[in-house]
Amino acid sequence: MAGDYPLIVSFDTATKCSSVALSRGTLSDGEVLACLSLSTTVTHSRRLVGSVDFLFQETGTDWANVEAVAVGLGPGSFTGLRIGMATAKGFAGAGGKKLIGVPTLDALAALCLTTIDICVVLDARKKQIYSALYRHEGKDGLQRKNEVRVLTPEQLVADIQEPTLMVGDGVQTYGDYWKKELGNLVTFAPAQLHQPSAGAVGLLGGGLLEKGVCLNVASATPLYVRASDAELSLKDKRASAGETT
């Protein structure tokens, strides 16, 4: 029963949406006690702590009842991921809680209940997307079929060879193009599923906690997939310097 599982605080800040949740158990037999998602211009750093406090107040919970903190690892917004990881490490370190990392694309795929392939697509800006393919495999649960990658919308077309459900904010940006290129081979998830849910992060985190798969609070880092603008700029400067010296 879900009530027998430890309580997990979870959140995801990979996109413009801040999502925070309290959950117990796993994707197959858990429950989300509360979930709050906000998409505004206010930065994640100004929302996370207050959102957790609000959920605690509304559910009559406090940190003494919590065993672990689950955080969406990304990929996504570099700033959002750093804020999310720093907050998760702060909560876990200060409270002596276990830290669990859940890839954001896994959490998006988890909410799509279908027997066909699931293609998660997050807008990576610069005319690129973060993507991975998934499938629900019966008793084995949700399985990722390939690595999380950054690629162009055009490159993704070649990857889709069979009926596929697409989900993620990349659909809002490139959905018309994919529908034109792939036709009836693709369908799109409902709009409410295109933003990451901390509830899914928590339930997937519950499965990892059950297996003892936790992060080191001191060394944990987000899943960036590609280099940041600052890193790319530094690389270009070093390359230019090498050419002129």
C-alpha atoms as a PDB file:
ATOM      1  CA  MET A   1       0.000   0.000   0.000  1.00  0.00           C
ATOM      2  CA  ALA A   2       1.162   3.535  -0.767  1.00  0.00           C
ATOM      3  CA  GLY A   3       0.723   4.557   2.866  1.00  0.00           C
ATOM      4  CA  ASP A   4       3.491   2.138   3.834  1.00  0.00           C
ATOM      5  CA  TYR A   5       6.064   3.940   1.688  1.00  0.00           C
ATOM      6  CA  PRO A   6       8.259   6.823   2.878  1.00  0.00           C
ATOM      7  CA  LEU A   7       7.313  10.392   2.016  1.00  0.00           C
ATOM      8  CA  ILE A   8       9.241  12.140  -0.765  1.00  0.00           C
ATOM      9  CA  VAL A   9       9.464  15.843  -1.553  1.00  0.00           C
ATOM     10  CA  SER A  10      10.057  16.344  -5.263  1.00  0.00           C
ATOM     11  CA  PHE A  11      10.385  19.176  -7.735  1.00  0.00           C
ATOM     12  CA  ASP A  12      11.376  19.968 -11.304  1.00  0.00           C
ATOM     13  CA  THR A  13      12.705  23.276 -12.633  1.00  0.00           C
ATOM     14  CA  ALA A  14      13.960  22.214 -16.070  1.00  0.00           C
ATOM     15  CA  THR A  15      11.493  24.457 -17.908  1.00  0.00           C
ATOM     16  CA  LYS A  16       9.681  27.710 -17.178  1.00  0.00           C
ATOM     17  CA  CYS A  17       7.269  25.654 -15.061  1.00  0.00           C
ATOM     18  CA  SER A  18       8.112  25.181 -11.363  1.00  0.00           C
ATOM     19  CA  SER A  19       6.532  21.962 -10.108  1.00  0.00           C
ATOM     20  CA  VAL A  20       6.635  20.757  -6.488  1.00  0.00           C
ATOM     21  CA  ALA A  21       5.001  17.642  -5.004  1.00  0.00           C
ATOM     22  CA  LEU A  22       4.667  15.347  -2.025  1.00  0.00           C
ATOM     23  CA  SER A  23       4.335  11.652  -2.834  1.00  0.00           C
ATOM     24  CA  ARG A  24       4.642   8.127  -1.517  1.00  0.00           C
ATOM     25  CA  GLY A  25       5.491   4.943  -3.359  1.00  0.00           C
ATOM     26  CA  THR A  26       6.310   4.190  -6.956  1.00  0.00           C
ATOM     27  CA  LEU A  27       4.807   4.731 -10.391  1.00  0.00           C
ATOM     28  CA  SER A  28       2.968   1.403 -10.198  1.00  0.00           C
ATOM     29  CA  ASP A  29       1.563   1.562  -6.672  1.00  0.00           C
ATOM     30  CA  GLY A  30       2.136   5.038  -5.226  1.00  0.00           C
ATOM     31  CA  GLU A  31       0.137   8.192  -4.678  1.00  0.00           C
ATOM     32  CA  VAL A  32       0.703  11.912  -5.063  1.00  0.00           C
ATOM     33  CA  LEU A  33      -0.513  13.625  -1.900  1.00  0.00           C
ATOM     34  CA  ALA A  34      -0.148  17.133  -3.309  1.00  0.00           C
ATOM     35  CA  CYS A  35       1.288  18.814  -6.386  1.00  0.00           C
ATOM     36  CA  LEU A  36       1.710  22.489  -7.260  1.00  0.00           C
ATOM     37  CA  SER A  37       2.812  23.705 -10.708  1.00  0.00           C
ATOM     38  CA  LEU A  38       3.355  27.346 -11.647  1.00  0.00           C
ATOM     39  CA  SER A  39       4.323  28.898 -14.983  1.00  0.00           C
ATOM     40  CA  THR A  40       5.039  32.592 -14.479  1.00  0.00           C
ATOM     41  CA  THR A  41       7.861  35.065 -15.048  1.00  0.00           C
ATOM     42  CA  VAL A  42       8.928  34.740 -11.402  1.00  0.00           C
ATOM     43  CA  THR A  43      12.258  32.895 -11.088  1.00  0.00           C
ATOM     44  CA  HIS A  44      12.415  29.384  -9.661  1.00  0.00           C
ATOM     45  CA  SER A  45      14.586  30.560  -6.775  1.00  0.00           C
ATOM     46  CA  ARG A  46      11.761  32.781  -5.537  1.00  0.00           C
ATOM     47  CA  ARG A  47       9.137  30.041  -5.722  1.00  0.00           C
ATOM     48  CA  LEU A  48      10.607  26.714  -4.626  1.00  0.00           C
ATOM     49  CA  VAL A  49      11.005  27.095  -0.877  1.00  0.00           C
ATOM     50  CA  GLY A  50       7.686  28.888  -0.512  1.00  0.00           C
ATOM     51  CA  SER A  51       5.931  26.238  -2.596  1.00  0.00           C
ATOM     52  CA  VAL A  52       7.312  23.419  -0.420  1.00  0.00           C
ATOM     53  CA  ASP A  53       6.256  25.282   2.727  1.00  0.00           C
ATOM     54  CA  PHE A  54       2.758  25.736   1.264  1.00  0.00           C
ATOM     55  CA  LEU A  55       2.387  22.017   0.513  1.00  0.00           C
ATOM     56  CA  PHE A  56       3.601  21.119   3.996  1.00  0.00           C
ATOM     57  CA  GLN A  57       1.087  23.486   5.546  1.00  0.00           C
ATOM     58  CA  GLU A  58      -1.809  22.253   3.433  1.00  0.00           C
ATOM     59  CA  THR A  59      -1.056  18.560   4.063  1.00  0.00           C
ATOM     60  CA  GLY A  60      -0.026  18.860   7.713  1.00  0.00           C
ATOM     61  CA  THR A  61       3.459  17.561   6.927  1.00  0.00           C
ATOM     62  CA  ASP A  62       6.911  18.622   8.095  1.00  0.00           C
ATOM     63  CA  TRP A  63      10.486  17.634   7.303  1.00  0.00           C
ATOM     64  CA  ALA A  64      10.561  15.101  10.134  1.00  0.00           C
ATOM     65  CA  ASN A  65       8.190  12.920   8.097  1.00  0.00           C
ATOM     66  CA  VAL A  66      10.216  13.125   4.873  1.00  0.00           C
ATOM     67  CA  GLU A  67      12.801  10.503   3.924  1.00  0.00           C
ATOM     68  CA  ALA A  68      14.054  11.782   0.580  1.00  0.00           C
ATOM     69  CA  VAL A  69      14.216  14.680  -1.856  1.00  0.00           C
ATOM     70  CA  ALA A  70      13.766  13.891  -5.566  1.00  0.00           C
ATOM     71  CA  VAL A  71      14.829  16.422  -8.184  1.00  0.00           C
ATOM     72  CA  GLY A  72      14.360  16.561 -11.935  1.00  0.00           C
ATOM     73  CA  LEU A  73      17.882  16.298 -13.360  1.00  0.00           C
ATOM     74  CA  GLY A  74      17.084  17.805 -16.763  1.00  0.00           C
ATOM     75  CA  PRO A  75      18.014  18.413 -19.459  1.00  0.00           C
ATOM     76  CA  GLY A  76      16.473  21.836 -19.795  1.00  0.00           C
ATOM     77  CA  SER A  77      17.171  25.421 -18.804  1.00  0.00           C
ATOM     78  CA  PHE A  78      20.714  25.643 -17.421  1.00  0.00           C
ATOM     79  CA  THR A  79      19.695  28.267 -14.865  1.00  0.00           C
ATOM     80  CA  GLY A  80      16.602  26.333 -13.833  1.00  0.00           C
ATOM     81  CA  LEU A  81      18.559  23.097 -13.413  1.00  0.00           C
ATOM     82  CA  ARG A  82      21.212  24.773 -11.269  1.00  0.00           C
ATOM     83  CA  ILE A  83      18.574  26.324  -9.033  1.00  0.00           C
ATOM     84  CA  GLY A  84      16.744  23.020  -8.697  1.00  0.00           C
ATOM     85  CA  MET A  85      19.849  21.012  -7.872  1.00  0.00           C
ATOM     86  CA  ALA A  86      21.176  23.597  -5.417  1.00  0.00           C
ATOM     87  CA  THR A  87      17.825  23.692  -3.622  1.00  0.00           C
ATOM     88  CA  ALA A  88      17.554  19.893  -3.533  1.00  0.00           C
ATOM     89  CA  LYS A  89      21.078  19.550  -2.149  1.00  0.00           C
ATOM     90  CA  GLY A  90      20.334  22.221   0.422  1.00  0.00           C
ATOM     91  CA  PHE A  91      17.176  20.461   1.593  1.00  0.00           C
ATOM     92  CA  ALA A  92      18.823  17.028   1.640  1.00  0.00           C
ATOM     93  CA  GLY A  93      22.051  18.161   3.269  1.00  0.00           C
ATOM     94  CA  ALA A  94      20.457  20.285   5.972  1.00  0.00           C
ATOM     95  CA  GLY A  95      17.830  17.714   6.855  1.00  0.00           C
ATOM     96  CA  GLY A  96      19.915  14.558   6.487  1.00  0.00           C
ATOM     97  CA  LYS A  97      17.615  13.294   3.721  1.00  0.00           C
ATOM     98  CA  LYS A  98      18.440  11.031   0.801  1.00  0.00           C
ATOM     99  CA  LEU A  99      18.828  12.730  -2.584  1.00  0.00           C
ATOM    100  CA  ILE A 100      17.344  11.137  -5.713  1.00  0.00           C
ATOM    101  CA  GLY A 101      17.816  12.286  -9.311  1.00  0.00           C
ATOM    102  CA  VAL A 102      15.196  11.654 -11.993  1.00  0.00           C
ATOM    103  CA  PRO A 103      15.783  12.644 -15.640  1.00  0.00           C
ATOM    104  CA  THR A 104      13.129  15.172 -16.608  1.00  0.00           C
ATOM    105  CA  LEU A 105      12.354  13.378 -19.871  1.00  0.00           C
ATOM    106  CA  ASP A 106      11.642  10.171 -17.917  1.00  0.00           C
ATOM    107  CA  ALA A 107       9.083  12.049 -15.828  1.00  0.00           C
ATOM    108  CA  LEU A 108       7.346  13.418 -18.925  1.00  0.00           C
ATOM    109  CA  ALA A 109       7.149   9.966 -20.522  1.00  0.00           C
ATOM    110  CA  ALA A 110       5.833   8.369 -17.329  1.00  0.00           C
ATOM    111  CA  LEU A 111       2.520  10.232 -17.559  1.00  0.00           C
ATOM    112  CA  CYS A 112       1.769   8.990 -21.088  1.00  0.00           C
ATOM    113  CA  LEU A 113      -0.210   5.768 -20.786  1.00  0.00           C
ATOM    114  CA  THR A 114      -0.005   4.219 -24.241  1.00  0.00           C
ATOM    115  CA  THR A 115       1.125   0.995 -25.884  1.00  0.00           C
ATOM    116  CA  ILE A 116       3.024   2.766 -28.684  1.00  0.00           C
ATOM    117  CA  ASP A 117       6.405   4.492 -28.554  1.00  0.00           C
ATOM    118  CA  ILE A 118       6.664   7.761 -26.651  1.00  0.00           C
ATOM    119  CA  CYS A 119       8.962  10.496 -27.930  1.00  0.00           C
ATOM    120  CA  VAL A 120       9.707  13.215 -25.380  1.00  0.00           C
ATOM    121  CA  VAL A 121      10.781  16.543 -26.879  1.00  0.00           C
ATOM    122  CA  LEU A 122      11.857  19.578 -24.864  1.00  0.00           C
ATOM    123  CA  ASP A 123      12.703  22.836 -26.607  1.00  0.00           C
ATOM    124  CA  ALA A 124      16.461  23.358 -26.197  1.00  0.00           C
ATOM    125  CA  ARG A 125      16.430  26.724 -27.998  1.00  0.00           C
ATOM    126  CA  LYS A 126      18.948  27.461 -30.779  1.00  0.00           C
ATOM    127  CA  LYS A 127      16.665  25.454 -33.130  1.00  0.00           C
ATOM    128  CA  GLN A 128      17.396  22.241 -31.205  1.00  0.00           C
ATOM    129  CA  ILE A 129      15.482  19.862 -28.948  1.00  0.00           C
ATOM    130  CA  TYR A 130      16.291  17.459 -26.144  1.00  0.00           C
ATOM    131  CA  SER A 131      14.744  14.091 -26.903  1.00  0.00           C
ATOM    132  CA  ALA A 132      14.531  10.403 -26.028  1.00  0.00           C
ATOM    133  CA  LEU A 133      12.272   7.490 -26.987  1.00  0.00           C
ATOM    134  CA  TYR A 134      10.370   5.392 -24.439  1.00  0.00           C
ATOM    135  CA  ARG A 135       7.945   2.487 -24.221  1.00  0.00           C
ATOM    136  CA  HIS A 136       5.883   0.935 -21.436  1.00  0.00           C
ATOM    137  CA  GLU A 137       6.978  -2.701 -21.346  1.00  0.00           C
ATOM    138  CA  GLY A 138       4.399  -4.489 -19.207  1.00  0.00           C
ATOM    139  CA  LYS A 139       5.858  -5.751 -15.941  1.00  0.00           C
ATOM    140  CA  ASP A 140       9.185  -4.073 -16.727  1.00  0.00           C
ATOM    141  CA  GLY A 141       7.504  -0.675 -16.635  1.00  0.00           C
ATOM    142  CA  LEU A 142       8.691   2.408 -18.490  1.00  0.00           C
ATOM    143  CA  GLN A 143      11.845   1.744 -20.513  1.00  0.00           C
ATOM    144  CA  ARG A 144      14.026   4.301 -22.302  1.00  0.00           C
ATOM    145  CA  LYS A 145      14.988   3.041 -25.765  1.00  0.00           C
ATOM    146  CA  ASN A 146      17.917   5.386 -26.439  1.00  0.00           C
ATOM    147  CA  GLU A 147      20.109   7.986 -24.804  1.00  0.00           C
ATOM    148  CA  VAL A 148      18.877  11.490 -24.042  1.00  0.00           C
ATOM    149  CA  ARG A 149      20.215  13.615 -26.900  1.00  0.00           C
ATOM    150  CA  VAL A 150      20.224  17.131 -28.266  1.00  0.00           C
ATOM    151  CA  LEU A 151      19.391  17.320 -31.967  1.00  0.00           C
ATOM    152  CA  THR A 152      17.512  19.340 -34.548  1.00  0.00           C
ATOM    153  CA  PRO A 153      13.806  18.842 -35.306  1.00  0.00           C
ATOM    154  CA  GLU A 154      14.849  17.625 -38.750  1.00  0.00           C
ATOM    155  CA  GLN A 155      17.193  14.981 -37.324  1.00  0.00           C
ATOM    156  CA  LEU A 156      14.423  13.654 -35.091  1.00  0.00           C
ATOM    157  CA  VAL A 157      12.248  12.845 -38.105  1.00  0.00           C
ATOM    158  CA  ALA A 158      14.660  10.094 -39.158  1.00  0.00           C
ATOM    159  CA  ASP A 159      14.387   8.443 -35.718  1.00  0.00           C
ATOM    160  CA  ILE A 160      10.627   7.888 -35.864  1.00  0.00           C
ATOM    161  CA  GLN A 161       9.865   4.728 -37.814  1.00  0.00           C
ATOM    162  CA  GLU A 162       6.632   3.520 -36.165  1.00  0.00           C
ATOM    163  CA  PRO A 163       3.508   5.012 -34.519  1.00  0.00           C
ATOM    164  CA  THR A 164       4.669   7.403 -31.817  1.00  0.00           C
ATOM    165  CA  LEU A 165       3.111   9.677 -29.221  1.00  0.00           C
ATOM    166  CA  MET A 166       5.015  12.951 -28.828  1.00  0.00           C
ATOM    167  CA  VAL A 167       5.023  14.911 -25.560  1.00  0.00           C
ATOM    168  CA  GLY A 168       6.867  17.957 -24.207  1.00  0.00           C
ATOM    169  CA  ASP A 169       7.015  21.679 -24.906  1.00  0.00           C
ATOM    170  CA  GLY A 170       8.893  20.945 -28.133  1.00  0.00           C
ATOM    171  CA  VAL A 171       5.513  19.914 -29.565  1.00  0.00           C
ATOM    172  CA  GLN A 172       4.259  23.462 -29.109  1.00  0.00           C
ATOM    173  CA  THR A 173       7.249  24.804 -31.067  1.00  0.00           C
ATOM    174  CA  TYR A 174       7.746  22.184 -33.783  1.00  0.00           C
ATOM    175  CA  GLY A 175       4.541  20.121 -33.779  1.00  0.00           C
ATOM    176  CA  ASP A 176       3.268  21.508 -37.075  1.00  0.00           C
ATOM    177  CA  TYR A 177       6.547  20.627 -38.782  1.00  0.00           C
ATOM    178  CA  TRP A 178       6.586  17.059 -37.435  1.00  0.00           C
ATOM    179  CA  LYS A 179       2.957  16.523 -38.390  1.00  0.00           C
ATOM    180  CA  LYS A 180       3.732  17.687 -41.927  1.00  0.00           C
ATOM    181  CA  GLU A 181       6.778  15.412 -42.224  1.00  0.00           C
ATOM    182  CA  LEU A 182       5.466  12.334 -40.404  1.00  0.00           C
ATOM    183  CA  GLY A 183       1.711  12.523 -40.920  1.00  0.00           C
ATOM    184  CA  ASN A 184      -0.352   9.853 -39.142  1.00  0.00           C
ATOM    185  CA  LEU A 185       2.807   8.246 -37.783  1.00  0.00           C
ATOM    186  CA  VAL A 186       2.716  10.720 -34.885  1.00  0.00           C
ATOM    187  CA  THR A 187       0.079  11.900 -32.442  1.00  0.00           C
ATOM    188  CA  PHE A 188       0.476  14.544 -29.746  1.00  0.00           C
ATOM    189  CA  ALA A 189      -0.204  14.184 -26.030  1.00  0.00           C
ATOM    190  CA  PRO A 190      -2.792  16.513 -24.430  1.00  0.00           C
ATOM    191  CA  ALA A 191      -1.512  20.010 -23.683  1.00  0.00           C
ATOM    192  CA  GLN A 192      -1.587  19.499 -19.903  1.00  0.00           C
ATOM    193  CA  LEU A 193       1.127  16.830 -20.188  1.00  0.00           C
ATOM    194  CA  HIS A 194       3.691  18.966 -22.009  1.00  0.00           C
ATOM    195  CA  GLN A 195       5.225  20.451 -18.827  1.00  0.00           C
ATOM    196  CA  PRO A 196       7.150  18.281 -16.306  1.00  0.00           C
ATOM    197  CA  SER A 197       5.238  17.202 -13.205  1.00  0.00           C
ATOM    198  CA  ALA A 198       6.946  16.887  -9.830  1.00  0.00           C
ATOM    199  CA  GLY A 199       4.391  14.194  -9.028  1.00  0.00           C
ATOM    200  CA  ALA A 200       5.902  11.956 -11.698  1.00  0.00           C
ATOM    201  CA  VAL A 201       9.417  12.855 -10.499  1.00  0.00           C
ATOM    202  CA  GLY A 202       8.416  11.770  -6.994  1.00  0.00           C
ATOM    203  CA  LEU A 203       6.905   8.450  -8.052  1.00  0.00           C
ATOM    204  CA  LEU A 204       9.867   7.579 -10.267  1.00  0.00           C
ATOM    205  CA  GLY A 205      12.091   8.663  -7.401  1.00  0.00           C
ATOM    206  CA  GLY A 206      10.207   6.286  -5.134  1.00  0.00           C
ATOM    207  CA  GLY A 207      11.175   3.427  -7.423  1.00  0.00           C
ATOM    208  CA  LEU A 208      14.824   4.466  -7.300  1.00  0.00           C
ATOM    209  CA  LEU A 209      14.700   4.840  -3.522  1.00  0.00           C
ATOM    210  CA  GLU A 210      13.286   1.338  -3.241  1.00  0.00           C
ATOM    211  CA  LYS A 211      16.318   0.072  -5.188  1.00  0.00           C
ATOM    212  CA  GLY A 212      18.747   2.146  -3.129  1.00  0.00           C
ATOM    213  CA  VAL A 213      19.722   4.309  -6.112  1.00  0.00           C
ATOM    214  CA  CYS A 214      20.531   7.693  -4.583  1.00  0.00           C
ATOM    215  CA  LEU A 215      22.859  10.591  -5.411  1.00  0.00           C
ATOM    216  CA  ASN A 216      25.820  11.832  -3.436  1.00  0.00           C
ATOM    217  CA  VAL A 217      24.676  15.149  -1.979  1.00  0.00           C
ATOM    218  CA  ALA A 218      28.134  16.684  -2.290  1.00  0.00           C
ATOM    219  CA  SER A 219      28.898  15.723  -5.895  1.00  0.00           C
ATOM    220  CA  ALA A 220      25.502  15.489  -7.624  1.00  0.00           C
ATOM    221  CA  THR A 221      25.110  17.539 -10.817  1.00  0.00           C
ATOM    222  CA  PRO A 222      22.268  18.095 -13.298  1.00  0.00           C
ATOM    223  CA  LEU A 223      21.985  16.339 -16.650  1.00  0.00           C
ATOM    224  CA  TYR A 224      22.916  19.153 -19.023  1.00  0.00           C
ATOM    225  CA  VAL A 225      23.479  17.054 -22.216  1.00  0.00           C
ATOM    226  CA  ARG A 226      25.074  19.979 -24.070  1.00  0.00           C
ATOM    227  CA  ALA A 227      27.558  22.669 -23.066  1.00  0.00           C
ATOM    228  CA  SER A 228      26.294  26.017 -21.792  1.00  0.00           C
ATOM    229  CA  ASP A 229      26.637  29.232 -23.820  1.00  0.00           C
ATOM    230  CA  ALA A 230      29.441  30.345 -21.507  1.00  0.00           C
ATOM    231  CA  GLU A 231      31.342  27.091 -22.036  1.00  0.00           C
ATOM    232  CA  LEU A 232      30.886  27.261 -25.798  1.00  0.00           C
ATOM    233  CA  SER A 233      32.058  30.889 -25.824  1.00  0.00           C
ATOM    234  CA  LEU A 234      35.168  29.997 -23.811  1.00  0.00           C
ATOM    235  CA  LYS A 235      35.895  27.103 -26.173  1.00  0.00           C
ATOM    236  CA  ASP A 236      35.609  29.420 -29.178  1.00  0.00           C
ATOM    237  CA  LYS A 237      37.941  31.970 -27.566  1.00  0.00           C
ATOM    238  CA  ARG A 238      40.537  29.292 -26.825  1.00  0.00           C
ATOM    239  CA  ALA A 239      40.280  27.967 -30.379  1.00  0.00           C
ATOM    240  CA  SER A 240      40.717  31.453 -31.783  1.00  0.00           C
ATOM    241  CA  ALA A 241      43.695  32.093 -29.557  1.00  0.00           C
ATOM    242  CA  GLY A 242      45.275  28.857 -30.689  1.00  0.00           C
ATOM    243  CA  GLU A 243      44.866  29.807 -34.329  1.00  0.00           C
ATOM    244  CA  THR A 244      46.517  33.194 -33.882  1.00  0.00           C
ATOM    245  CA  THR A 245      49.450  32.153 -31.732  1.00  0.00           C
END
